[in-house]
Amino acid sequence: MSRTRTSPLLAALLVAGLGLTACQSGGSDTKNDAAPSARPSASSAPGAPAEDAPSGEVEAPKDLPAGLPLPTGKLTSVTGDKGAYVLTYATDNPEGVLAAYRKELEGKGYTAVDVAGTLTATKGAEAVSVLASGTTVVVTVSS
């Protein structure tokens, strides 16, 4: 019966996440005090001169759950705060990214299910919903 109780919660998280993404205007709500992405680009490698660092690059929040893998692709926006975030990635192959991300999540101990075209993964109090569409992958994280 826990599946029955968690499904409405996860659906609400997804709807809230998509609403936050829709309300964003040009990346102006990007979290500026975030830590560097878990997948740094070559230009942001340690020891790179500051003038070579990209300006305005979107970074993943510092307080994402420890050990949470992030999908591949270019992180284009982050909305939310204090353990509830929506991360949007641009990619040429969203279905491939989704399939690889599912394997990563399961490898880290998350239980993953597909519900109505949305990947939902849970581990303890952490919930991750992932939706791939067009050239975009949207990840909603709640912890």
Protein backbone atom coordinates (compact mmCIF):
# COMPACT_ATOMS: atom_id res chain seq x y z
CA MET A 1 0.00 0.00 0.00
CA SER A 2 2.97 2.37 0.33
CA ARG A 3 3.02 2.60 -3.47
CA THR A 4 -0.51 3.97 -3.36
CA ARG A 5 0.47 6.63 -0.82
CA THR A 6 3.66 7.71 -2.58
CA SER A 7 2.16 7.98 -6.08
CA PRO A 8 0.05 11.10 -5.31
CA LEU A 9 3.04 12.69 -3.53
CA LEU A 10 5.35 12.07 -6.49
CA ALA A 11 2.72 13.28 -8.93
CA ALA A 12 2.36 16.49 -6.89
CA LEU A 13 6.14 16.96 -6.87
CA LEU A 14 6.29 16.57 -10.63
CA VAL A 15 3.44 19.01 -11.23
CA ALA A 16 5.02 21.53 -8.85
CA GLY A 17 8.39 21.09 -10.54
CA LEU A 18 6.98 21.59 -14.01
CA GLY A 19 5.13 24.66 -12.75
CA LEU A 20 8.36 26.12 -11.42
CA THR A 21 10.07 25.44 -14.73
CA ALA A 22 7.25 27.10 -16.66
CA CYS A 23 7.40 30.18 -14.45
CA GLN A 24 11.13 30.70 -14.91
CA SER A 25 12.14 33.64 -17.08
CA GLY A 26 15.40 33.41 -18.96
CA GLY A 27 17.36 31.74 -16.16
CA SER A 28 17.14 34.76 -13.87
CA ASP A 29 16.13 32.55 -10.93
CA THR A 30 19.30 30.47 -11.15
CA LYS A 31 20.77 29.76 -7.75
CA ASN A 32 23.91 31.92 -7.71
CA ASP A 33 25.43 30.49 -4.53
CA ALA A 34 25.44 26.91 -5.80
CA ALA A 35 28.44 24.62 -5.87
CA PRO A 36 30.04 23.60 -9.17
CA SER A 37 28.30 20.91 -11.18
CA ALA A 38 29.22 17.31 -10.51
CA ARG A 39 30.35 17.12 -14.17
CA PRO A 40 32.68 20.09 -14.70
CA SER A 41 33.51 21.16 -18.22
CA ALA A 42 37.09 21.29 -19.42
CA SER A 43 37.10 25.09 -19.09
CA SER A 44 36.20 24.88 -15.40
CA ALA A 45 38.85 22.31 -14.54
CA PRO A 46 40.84 22.88 -11.35
CA GLY A 47 43.75 25.21 -11.96
CA ALA A 48 42.18 26.86 -15.00
CA PRO A 49 42.73 30.63 -15.08
CA ALA A 50 39.73 32.63 -13.88
CA GLU A 51 39.49 34.54 -17.18
CA ASP A 52 38.95 31.21 -18.99
CA ALA A 53 36.03 30.24 -16.75
CA PRO A 54 32.62 30.48 -18.44
CA SER A 55 30.47 33.34 -17.21
CA GLY A 56 26.84 32.78 -16.29
CA GLU A 57 27.12 28.98 -16.32
CA VAL A 58 24.31 27.28 -14.37
CA GLU A 59 25.50 25.14 -11.46
CA ALA A 60 23.83 22.38 -9.45
CA PRO A 61 22.73 23.32 -5.90
CA LYS A 62 25.05 22.51 -2.98
CA ASP A 63 22.38 20.80 -0.91
CA LEU A 64 21.31 18.05 -3.30
CA PRO A 65 21.21 14.66 -1.55
CA ALA A 66 24.69 13.20 -1.04
CA GLY A 67 25.46 10.59 -3.67
CA LEU A 68 22.64 11.64 -6.01
CA PRO A 69 23.89 11.14 -9.55
CA LEU A 70 23.06 13.82 -12.09
CA PRO A 71 22.18 13.18 -15.73
CA THR A 72 24.44 14.10 -18.61
CA GLY A 73 23.65 17.12 -20.73
CA LYS A 74 24.04 20.85 -20.28
CA LEU A 75 22.42 22.14 -17.10
CA THR A 76 20.40 25.13 -18.32
CA SER A 77 18.32 26.12 -15.29
CA VAL A 78 17.79 25.43 -11.61
CA THR A 79 14.74 26.54 -9.64
CA GLY A 80 13.68 25.86 -6.08
CA ASP A 81 15.36 26.01 -2.69
CA LYS A 82 16.18 24.04 0.47
CA GLY A 83 15.98 20.46 -0.75
CA ALA A 84 13.31 20.86 -3.43
CA TYR A 85 14.69 21.64 -6.88
CA VAL A 86 13.91 21.41 -10.56
CA LEU A 87 16.98 21.01 -12.77
CA THR A 88 16.60 21.35 -16.54
CA TYR A 89 19.14 19.84 -18.94
CA ALA A 90 19.51 20.36 -22.69
CA THR A 91 20.53 17.30 -24.69
CA ASP A 92 20.37 15.96 -28.24
CA ASN A 93 19.25 12.53 -27.01
CA PRO A 94 16.80 12.88 -24.10
CA GLU A 95 15.60 9.27 -24.29
CA GLY A 96 19.18 7.97 -24.16
CA VAL A 97 20.00 10.29 -21.24
CA LEU A 98 16.86 9.09 -19.43
CA ALA A 99 17.78 5.41 -19.92
CA ALA A 100 21.37 5.96 -18.72
CA TYR A 101 20.19 8.07 -15.76
CA ARG A 102 17.78 5.34 -14.67
CA LYS A 103 20.68 2.85 -14.59
CA GLU A 104 22.78 5.32 -12.56
CA LEU A 105 19.99 5.87 -10.04
CA GLU A 106 19.37 2.13 -9.65
CA GLY A 107 23.11 1.60 -9.24
CA LYS A 108 23.05 4.07 -6.34
CA GLY A 109 20.25 2.17 -4.58
CA TYR A 110 17.21 4.08 -5.84
CA THR A 111 14.02 2.18 -6.67
CA ALA A 112 12.90 3.36 -10.11
CA VAL A 113 9.52 3.00 -11.82
CA ASP A 114 8.00 4.46 -14.97
CA VAL A 115 4.60 6.07 -14.46
CA ALA A 116 2.83 7.69 -17.42
CA GLY A 117 6.09 8.50 -19.22
CA THR A 118 7.81 9.84 -16.11
CA LEU A 119 10.68 8.08 -14.39
CA THR A 120 10.23 8.21 -10.62
CA ALA A 121 13.01 7.04 -8.31
CA THR A 122 12.96 6.91 -4.52
CA LYS A 123 15.50 6.14 -1.82
CA GLY A 124 14.46 6.71 1.77
CA ALA A 125 13.03 10.25 2.02
CA GLU A 126 14.52 11.25 -1.36
CA ALA A 127 12.34 11.40 -4.47
CA VAL A 128 13.49 12.09 -8.01
CA SER A 129 11.15 12.50 -10.99
CA VAL A 130 12.55 12.70 -14.50
CA LEU A 131 10.76 13.70 -17.69
CA ALA A 132 12.33 13.71 -21.17
CA SER A 133 10.75 15.78 -23.91
CA GLY A 134 12.06 17.25 -27.16
CA THR A 135 15.65 18.25 -26.39
CA THR A 136 15.10 18.64 -22.65
CA VAL A 137 15.41 16.46 -19.55
CA VAL A 138 13.70 17.85 -16.43
CA VAL A 139 14.74 16.44 -13.04
CA THR A 140 12.66 17.22 -9.94
CA VAL A 141 14.43 16.43 -6.65
CA SER A 142 12.85 16.44 -3.21
CA SER A 143 14.63 15.45 -0.01
